[in-house]
C-alpha atoms as a PDB file:
ATOM      1  CA  MET A   1      63.422 155.182  59.011  1.00  0.00           C
ATOM      2  CA  SER A   2      61.323 153.132  61.381  1.00  0.00           C
ATOM      3  CA  ILE A   3      61.933 150.670  64.210  1.00  0.00           C
ATOM      4  CA  LEU A   4      60.286 147.305  63.558  1.00  0.00           C
ATOM      5  CA  VAL A   5      58.628 145.688  66.583  1.00  0.00           C
ATOM      6  CA  VAL A   6      57.878 141.974  66.122  1.00  0.00           C
ATOM      7  CA  GLU A   7      55.612 140.980  69.028  1.00  0.00           C
ATOM      8  CA  ASP A   8      52.572 138.691  68.928  1.00  0.00           C
ATOM      9  CA  ASP A   9      50.997 140.112  72.105  1.00  0.00           C
ATOM     10  CA  PRO A  10      49.009 143.129  70.804  1.00  0.00           C
ATOM     11  CA  SER A  11      48.892 144.796  74.233  1.00  0.00           C
ATOM     12  CA  LEU A  12      52.622 144.513  74.792  1.00  0.00           C
ATOM     13  CA  GLY A  13      53.339 145.465  71.189  1.00  0.00           C
ATOM     14  CA  GLY A  14      51.187 148.553  71.626  1.00  0.00           C
ATOM     15  CA  LEU A  15      53.008 149.454  74.851  1.00  0.00           C
ATOM     16  CA  ILE A  16      56.410 149.144  73.161  1.00  0.00           C
ATOM     17  CA  CYS A  17      55.283 151.242  70.200  1.00  0.00           C
ATOM     18  CA  GLU A  18      53.851 153.907  72.516  1.00  0.00           C
ATOM     19  CA  ALA A  19      57.171 154.087  74.394  1.00  0.00           C
ATOM     20  CA  LEU A  20      59.089 154.401  71.124  1.00  0.00           C
ATOM     21  CA  ARG A  21      56.819 157.185  69.897  1.00  0.00           C
ATOM     22  CA  GLY A  22      57.388 158.964  73.209  1.00  0.00           C
ATOM     23  CA  ALA A  23      61.107 158.811  72.444  1.00  0.00           C
ATOM     24  CA  GLN A  24      60.521 160.439  69.031  1.00  0.00           C
ATOM     25  CA  GLN A  25      60.908 157.155  67.162  1.00  0.00           C
ATOM     26  CA  ASN A  26      58.692 155.753  64.392  1.00  0.00           C
ATOM     27  CA  PRO A  27      57.614 152.183  65.309  1.00  0.00           C
ATOM     28  CA  VAL A  28      56.047 149.612  62.979  1.00  0.00           C
ATOM     29  CA  LEU A  29      54.339 146.616  64.600  1.00  0.00           C
ATOM     30  CA  ALA A  30      54.245 143.065  63.187  1.00  0.00           C
ATOM     31  CA  THR A  31      52.268 140.509  65.193  1.00  0.00           C
ATOM     32  CA  ASP A  32      53.511 137.219  63.739  1.00  0.00           C
ATOM     33  CA  GLY A  33      56.771 135.737  62.526  1.00  0.00           C
ATOM     34  CA  GLU A  34      55.956 135.621  58.817  1.00  0.00           C
ATOM     35  CA  VAL A  35      54.993 139.288  58.573  1.00  0.00           C
ATOM     36  CA  GLY A  36      57.932 140.206  60.781  1.00  0.00           C
ATOM     37  CA  LEU A  37      60.398 138.329  58.587  1.00  0.00           C
ATOM     38  CA  MET A  38      59.053 139.886  55.387  1.00  0.00           C
ATOM     39  CA  SER A  39      59.191 143.391  56.831  1.00  0.00           C
ATOM     40  CA  ALA A  40      62.629 142.928  58.385  1.00  0.00           C
ATOM     41  CA  SER A  41      64.041 141.500  55.134  1.00  0.00           C
ATOM     42  CA  SER A  42      63.334 144.771  53.346  1.00  0.00           C
ATOM     43  CA  GLY A  43      66.248 146.447  55.121  1.00  0.00           C
ATOM     44  CA  HIS A  44      64.138 149.601  55.498  1.00  0.00           C
ATOM     45  CA  HIS A  45      64.284 149.705  59.323  1.00  0.00           C
ATOM     46  CA  LYS A  46      67.020 151.215  61.462  1.00  0.00           C
ATOM     47  CA  ALA A  47      66.510 148.654  64.253  1.00  0.00           C
ATOM     48  CA  ILE A  48      64.414 145.583  65.095  1.00  0.00           C
ATOM     49  CA  ILE A  49      62.905 144.649  68.463  1.00  0.00           C
ATOM     50  CA  LEU A  50      62.230 140.924  68.235  1.00  0.00           C
ATOM     51  CA  ASP A  51      60.281 138.521  70.447  1.00  0.00           C
ATOM     52  CA  ALA A  52      61.623 134.964  70.570  1.00  0.00           C
ATOM     53  CA  MET A  53      58.299 133.120  70.748  1.00  0.00           C
ATOM     54  CA  LEU A  54      56.220 133.929  67.663  1.00  0.00           C
ATOM     55  CA  PRO A  55      53.714 132.145  65.419  1.00  0.00           C
ATOM     56  CA  THR A  56      54.962 130.760  62.069  1.00  0.00           C
ATOM     57  CA  PHE A  57      58.645 131.661  62.541  1.00  0.00           C
ATOM     58  CA  SER A  58      60.356 131.998  65.921  1.00  0.00           C
ATOM     59  CA  GLY A  59      62.459 135.038  66.655  1.00  0.00           C
ATOM     60  CA  PHE A  60      65.560 132.847  66.546  1.00  0.00           C
ATOM     61  CA  GLU A  61      64.686 131.643  63.047  1.00  0.00           C
ATOM     62  CA  ILE A  62      63.949 135.187  61.892  1.00  0.00           C
ATOM     63  CA  CYS A  63      67.289 136.399  63.223  1.00  0.00           C
ATOM     64  CA  GLN A  64      69.158 133.555  61.544  1.00  0.00           C
ATOM     65  CA  ARG A  65      67.467 134.087  58.183  1.00  0.00           C
ATOM     66  CA  LEU A  66      68.085 137.825  58.256  1.00  0.00           C
ATOM     67  CA  ARG A  67      71.780 137.438  58.982  1.00  0.00           C
ATOM     68  CA  GLU A  68      72.217 134.676  56.403  1.00  0.00           C
ATOM     69  CA  GLY A  69      70.448 136.929  53.894  1.00  0.00           C
ATOM     70  CA  GLY A  70      72.843 139.802  54.535  1.00  0.00           C
ATOM     71  CA  VAL A  71      70.465 142.062  56.505  1.00  0.00           C
ATOM     72  CA  THR A  72      72.623 144.087  58.921  1.00  0.00           C
ATOM     73  CA  THR A  73      69.877 145.945  60.829  1.00  0.00           C
ATOM     74  CA  PRO A  74      70.599 145.951  64.607  1.00  0.00           C
ATOM     75  CA  ILE A  75      68.428 143.429  66.491  1.00  0.00           C
ATOM     76  CA  LEU A  76      67.340 143.592  70.140  1.00  0.00           C
ATOM     77  CA  PHE A  77      65.732 140.413  71.484  1.00  0.00           C
ATOM     78  CA  LEU A  78      62.980 141.162  73.993  1.00  0.00           C
ATOM     79  CA  THR A  79      61.628 137.929  75.446  1.00  0.00           C
ATOM     80  CA  CYS A  80      60.591 135.944  78.504  1.00  0.00           C
ATOM     81  CA  ARG A  81      63.104 133.229  77.559  1.00  0.00           C
ATOM     82  CA  ASP A  82      65.842 134.104  80.021  1.00  0.00           C
ATOM     83  CA  SER A  83      67.971 130.950  80.220  1.00  0.00           C
ATOM     84  CA  GLU A  84      71.667 131.348  79.550  1.00  0.00           C
ATOM     85  CA  ALA A  85      71.366 128.914  76.630  1.00  0.00           C
ATOM     86  CA  ASP A  86      68.650 131.029  74.964  1.00  0.00           C
ATOM     87  CA  ILE A  87      70.622 134.235  75.447  1.00  0.00           C
ATOM     88  CA  ILE A  88      73.775 132.679  73.982  1.00  0.00           C
ATOM     89  CA  ARG A  89      71.769 131.216  71.101  1.00  0.00           C
ATOM     90  CA  GLY A  90      70.229 134.587  70.220  1.00  0.00           C
ATOM     91  CA  LEU A  91      73.551 136.399  70.309  1.00  0.00           C
ATOM     92  CA  ARG A  92      75.345 133.733  68.290  1.00  0.00           C
ATOM     93  CA  LEU A  93      72.645 133.895  65.629  1.00  0.00           C
ATOM     94  CA  GLY A  94      73.501 137.548  65.151  1.00  0.00           C
ATOM     95  CA  ALA A  95      71.399 139.529  67.650  1.00  0.00           C
ATOM     96  CA  ASP A  96      73.081 142.675  68.973  1.00  0.00           C
ATOM     97  CA  ASP A  97      71.457 142.755  72.423  1.00  0.00           C
ATOM     98  CA  TYR A  98      69.068 140.725  74.595  1.00  0.00           C
ATOM     99  CA  MET A  99      66.525 141.852  77.213  1.00  0.00           C
ATOM    100  CA  THR A 100      64.204 139.643  79.241  1.00  0.00           C
ATOM    101  CA  LYS A 101      60.599 140.279  80.280  1.00  0.00           C
ATOM    102  CA  PRO A 102      59.444 141.969  82.432  1.00  0.00           C
ATOM    103  CA  PHE A 103      61.478 144.972  81.364  1.00  0.00           C
ATOM    104  CA  SER A 104      61.815 148.695  81.846  1.00  0.00           C
ATOM    105  CA  THR A 105      60.670 150.673  78.800  1.00  0.00           C
ATOM    106  CA  GLY A 106      63.264 153.300  79.710  1.00  0.00           C
ATOM    107  CA  GLU A 107      66.066 150.746  79.577  1.00  0.00           C
ATOM    108  CA  MET A 108      64.662 149.333  76.334  1.00  0.00           C
ATOM    109  CA  ILE A 109      64.706 152.787  74.737  1.00  0.00           C
ATOM    110  CA  ALA A 110      68.268 153.407  75.934  1.00  0.00           C
ATOM    111  CA  ARG A 111      69.467 150.068  74.571  1.00  0.00           C
ATOM    112  CA  ILE A 112      67.820 150.442  71.173  1.00  0.00           C
ATOM    113  CA  GLU A 113      69.142 153.998  70.834  1.00  0.00           C
ATOM    114  CA  ALA A 114      72.646 152.730  71.661  1.00  0.00           C
ATOM    115  CA  LEU A 115      72.348 150.043  68.965  1.00  0.00           C
ATOM    116  CA  ILE A 116      71.233 152.624  66.428  1.00  0.00           C
ATOM    117  CA  ARG A 117      74.156 154.902  67.318  1.00  0.00           C
ATOM    118  CA  ARG A 118      76.708 152.128  67.008  1.00  0.00           C
ATOM    119  CA  ASN A 119      75.054 150.415  64.058  1.00  0.00           C
ATOM    120  CA  THR A 120      78.092 148.273  63.556  1.00  0.00           C
ATOM    121  CA  GLY A 121      75.848 145.803  61.788  1.00  0.00           C
ATOM    122  CA  TYR A 122      76.799 142.229  61.032  1.00  0.00           C
ATOM    123  CA  THR A 123      79.110 140.781  58.439  1.00  0.00           C
ATOM    124  CA  PRO A 124      76.801 139.269  55.816  1.00  0.00           C
ATOM    125  CA  GLN A 125      77.281 135.758  54.502  1.00  0.00           C
ATOM    126  CA  ASP A 126      79.249 135.991  51.266  1.00  0.00           C
ATOM    127  CA  GLU A 127      77.478 133.074  49.609  1.00  0.00           C
ATOM    128  CA  LEU A 128      74.027 131.477  49.854  1.00  0.00           C
ATOM    129  CA  THR A 129      73.519 127.938  48.548  1.00  0.00           C
ATOM    130  CA  PHE A 130      70.507 125.834  47.627  1.00  0.00           C
ATOM    131  CA  GLY A 131      71.121 122.631  45.690  1.00  0.00           C
ATOM    132  CA  ASP A 132      73.609 123.526  42.956  1.00  0.00           C
ATOM    133  CA  LEU A 133      72.552 127.179  43.105  1.00  0.00           C
ATOM    134  CA  ARG A 134      75.051 129.619  44.611  1.00  0.00           C
ATOM    135  CA  ILE A 135      74.266 133.282  45.277  1.00  0.00           C
ATOM    136  CA  ARG A 136      77.330 135.511  45.634  1.00  0.00           C
ATOM    137  CA  THR A 137      75.869 138.387  47.614  1.00  0.00           C
ATOM    138  CA  ALA A 138      78.817 140.781  47.350  1.00  0.00           C
ATOM    139  CA  GLN A 139      79.037 140.421  43.553  1.00  0.00           C
ATOM    140  CA  ARG A 140      75.257 140.048  43.104  1.00  0.00           C
ATOM    141  CA  GLN A 141      75.836 136.951  41.006  1.00  0.00           C
ATOM    142  CA  ALA A 142      74.059 133.598  40.783  1.00  0.00           C
ATOM    143  CA  LEU A 143      75.668 130.382  39.566  1.00  0.00           C
ATOM    144  CA  CYS A 144      74.346 126.890  38.902  1.00  0.00           C
ATOM    145  CA  GLY A 145      77.406 124.736  39.415  1.00  0.00           C
ATOM    146  CA  THR A 146      80.013 126.583  37.366  1.00  0.00           C
ATOM    147  CA  THR A 147      77.489 128.254  35.040  1.00  0.00           C
ATOM    148  CA  LEU A 148      76.989 131.962  35.665  1.00  0.00           C
ATOM    149  CA  LEU A 149      73.354 132.989  35.202  1.00  0.00           C
ATOM    150  CA  GLU A 150      72.882 136.141  33.161  1.00  0.00           C
ATOM    151  CA  LEU A 151      70.345 137.975  35.307  1.00  0.00           C
ATOM    152  CA  THR A 152      68.917 141.466  35.332  1.00  0.00           C
ATOM    153  CA  MET A 153      69.030 143.203  38.700  1.00  0.00           C
ATOM    154  CA  ARG A 154      65.310 142.497  39.203  1.00  0.00           C
ATOM    155  CA  GLU A 155      65.770 138.806  38.362  1.00  0.00           C
ATOM    156  CA  TYR A 156      68.724 138.597  40.745  1.00  0.00           C
ATOM    157  CA  THR A 157      66.761 140.227  43.570  1.00  0.00           C
ATOM    158  CA  LEU A 158      63.822 137.868  43.035  1.00  0.00           C
ATOM    159  CA  LEU A 159      66.066 134.786  42.993  1.00  0.00           C
ATOM    160  CA  HIS A 160      67.962 136.019  46.057  1.00  0.00           C
ATOM    161  CA  THR A 161      64.676 136.537  47.923  1.00  0.00           C
ATOM    162  CA  LEU A 162      63.508 133.004  47.108  1.00  0.00           C
ATOM    163  CA  THR A 163      66.881 131.564  48.125  1.00  0.00           C
ATOM    164  CA  VAL A 164      66.887 133.328  51.493  1.00  0.00           C
ATOM    165  CA  ALA A 165      63.467 131.766  52.184  1.00  0.00           C
ATOM    166  CA  ARG A 166      65.144 128.320  52.017  1.00  0.00           C
ATOM    167  CA  GLY A 167      62.272 126.411  50.484  1.00  0.00           C
ATOM    168  CA  GLN A 168      59.501 128.292  52.294  1.00  0.00           C
ATOM    169  CA  ALA A 169      56.674 129.524  50.084  1.00  0.00           C
ATOM    170  CA  LEU A 170      56.420 133.282  49.606  1.00  0.00           C
ATOM    171  CA  SER A 171      53.202 134.945  48.480  1.00  0.00           C
ATOM    172  CA  ARG A 172      52.978 137.000  45.295  1.00  0.00           C
ATOM    173  CA  ASP A 173      52.162 140.070  47.388  1.00  0.00           C
ATOM    174  CA  SER A 174      55.252 139.645  49.559  1.00  0.00           C
ATOM    175  CA  LEU A 175      57.484 139.092  46.531  1.00  0.00           C
ATOM    176  CA  LEU A 176      56.021 142.167  44.853  1.00  0.00           C
ATOM    177  CA  GLU A 177      56.711 144.267  47.946  1.00  0.00           C
ATOM    178  CA  ARG A 178      60.228 142.957  48.515  1.00  0.00           C
ATOM    179  CA  VAL A 179      61.428 143.027  44.892  1.00  0.00           C
ATOM    180  CA  TRP A 180      59.511 145.970  43.412  1.00  0.00           C
ATOM    181  CA  GLY A 181      59.101 147.967  46.630  1.00  0.00           C
ATOM    182  CA  ASP A 182      56.890 151.045  46.487  1.00  0.00           C
ATOM    183  CA  ASP A 183      56.494 151.045  42.706  1.00  0.00           C
ATOM    184  CA  GLU A 184      52.692 151.065  42.449  1.00  0.00           C
ATOM    185  CA  SER A 185      52.743 150.736  38.661  1.00  0.00           C
ATOM    186  CA  HIS A 186      53.195 146.968  38.984  1.00  0.00           C
ATOM    187  CA  THR A 187      50.694 144.262  39.966  1.00  0.00           C
ATOM    188  CA  THR A 188      51.330 140.692  41.106  1.00  0.00           C
ATOM    189  CA  ASN A 189      51.210 139.607  37.444  1.00  0.00           C
ATOM    190  CA  VAL A 190      54.737 140.934  37.051  1.00  0.00           C
ATOM    191  CA  VAL A 191      55.902 138.388  39.648  1.00  0.00           C
ATOM    192  CA  ASP A 192      54.642 135.519  37.452  1.00  0.00           C
ATOM    193  CA  VAL A 193      56.384 137.017  34.420  1.00  0.00           C
ATOM    194  CA  TYR A 194      59.743 137.222  36.174  1.00  0.00           C
ATOM    195  CA  ILE A 195      59.316 133.765  37.692  1.00  0.00           C
ATOM    196  CA  SER A 196      58.967 132.436  34.122  1.00  0.00           C
ATOM    197  CA  TYR A 197      62.194 134.259  33.163  1.00  0.00           C
ATOM    198  CA  LEU A 198      64.044 132.641  36.072  1.00  0.00           C
ATOM    199  CA  ARG A 199      62.632 129.198  35.278  1.00  0.00           C
ATOM    200  CA  ARG A 200      63.904 129.375  31.704  1.00  0.00           C
ATOM    201  CA  LYS A 201      67.369 130.405  32.847  1.00  0.00           C
ATOM    202  CA  LEU A 202      67.537 127.694  35.514  1.00  0.00           C
ATOM    203  CA  ARG A 203      66.468 125.076  32.941  1.00  0.00           C
ATOM    204  CA  ALA A 204      69.025 126.332  30.420  1.00  0.00           C
ATOM    205  CA  ALA A 205      71.739 125.951  33.070  1.00  0.00           C
ATOM    206  CA  GLU A 206      70.465 122.397  33.777  1.00  0.00           C
ATOM    207  CA  SER A 207      70.111 123.335  37.427  1.00  0.00           C
ATOM    208  CA  SER A 208      68.878 120.913  40.070  1.00  0.00           C
ATOM    209  CA  VAL A 209      66.883 123.832  41.457  1.00  0.00           C
ATOM    210  CA  GLY A 210      63.444 124.843  40.228  1.00  0.00           C
ATOM    211  CA  ILE A 211      60.622 127.147  41.273  1.00  0.00           C
ATOM    212  CA  THR A 212      57.411 125.503  42.457  1.00  0.00           C
ATOM    213  CA  THR A 213      54.043 127.224  42.096  1.00  0.00           C
ATOM    214  CA  VAL A 214      51.958 127.107  45.282  1.00  0.00           C
ATOM    215  CA  ARG A 215      48.442 127.300  43.873  1.00  0.00           C
ATOM    216  CA  GLY A 216      46.543 130.416  44.843  1.00  0.00           C
ATOM    217  CA  PHE A 217      49.456 131.724  46.933  1.00  0.00           C
ATOM    218  CA  GLY A 218      52.883 132.158  45.424  1.00  0.00           C
ATOM    219  CA  PHE A 219      56.181 130.366  44.848  1.00  0.00           C
ATOM    220  CA  ARG A 220      59.012 128.543  46.544  1.00  0.00           C
ATOM    221  CA  LEU A 221      62.436 127.293  45.535  1.00  0.00           C
ATOM    222  CA  ASP A 222      62.667 123.488  45.258  1.00  0.00           C
ATOM    223  CA  LEU A 223      65.136 120.841  44.252  1.00  0.00           C
ATOM    224  CA  SER A 224      62.700 119.749  41.565  1.00  0.00           C
ATOM    225  CA  GLU A 225      60.505 122.040  39.442  1.00  0.00           C
ATOM    226  CA  HIS A 226      56.742 121.807  39.209  1.00  0.00           C
ATOM    227  CA  ASP A 227      54.580 124.151  37.144  1.00  0.00           C
END
């Protein structure tokens, strides 16, 4: 498994990745918040090194969304924001450790290795909500009010992914990667097919939640549905 580095400074990101490779680790670099969040949400990394100041989504927002979505991967904040308030905020959002810039790459390696060894993770949120939609993560169930949605595992994963995004649009490519993973037999057309399945089931349950099409991009969860 790899270590995800989310850092928008390419030079610094390259330096961190070089240090990790020197420590026999496999780094993966993401240079903005959106890509970092998508990659981190996959759960395929053994640790995450996260900058606080990023384009699109801040490191704090990424950390919060990951923990609310049940991702337990250890997170090390690595940032120039060194105020006590920022450090407390990062840790309370679910980060496992916090380093400030400038930093020693040796200390960074030692800290990230310690997090990987402990890997105590984070207790995931038992329930996600959006409008009348409730996602029970432990049971892998979705309810609209008191109505249990009959979902296949793929439908559940797609709905869970949209719910974690909290109204933010997700591209077809990102949904394909996060729901279907490395299965190259599928194209983005399958995303549209499963979105239509979910829409029918949400309508049948008379849910206040719908799935909005973002033309030429993808989909987002909304409190009103637009085709």
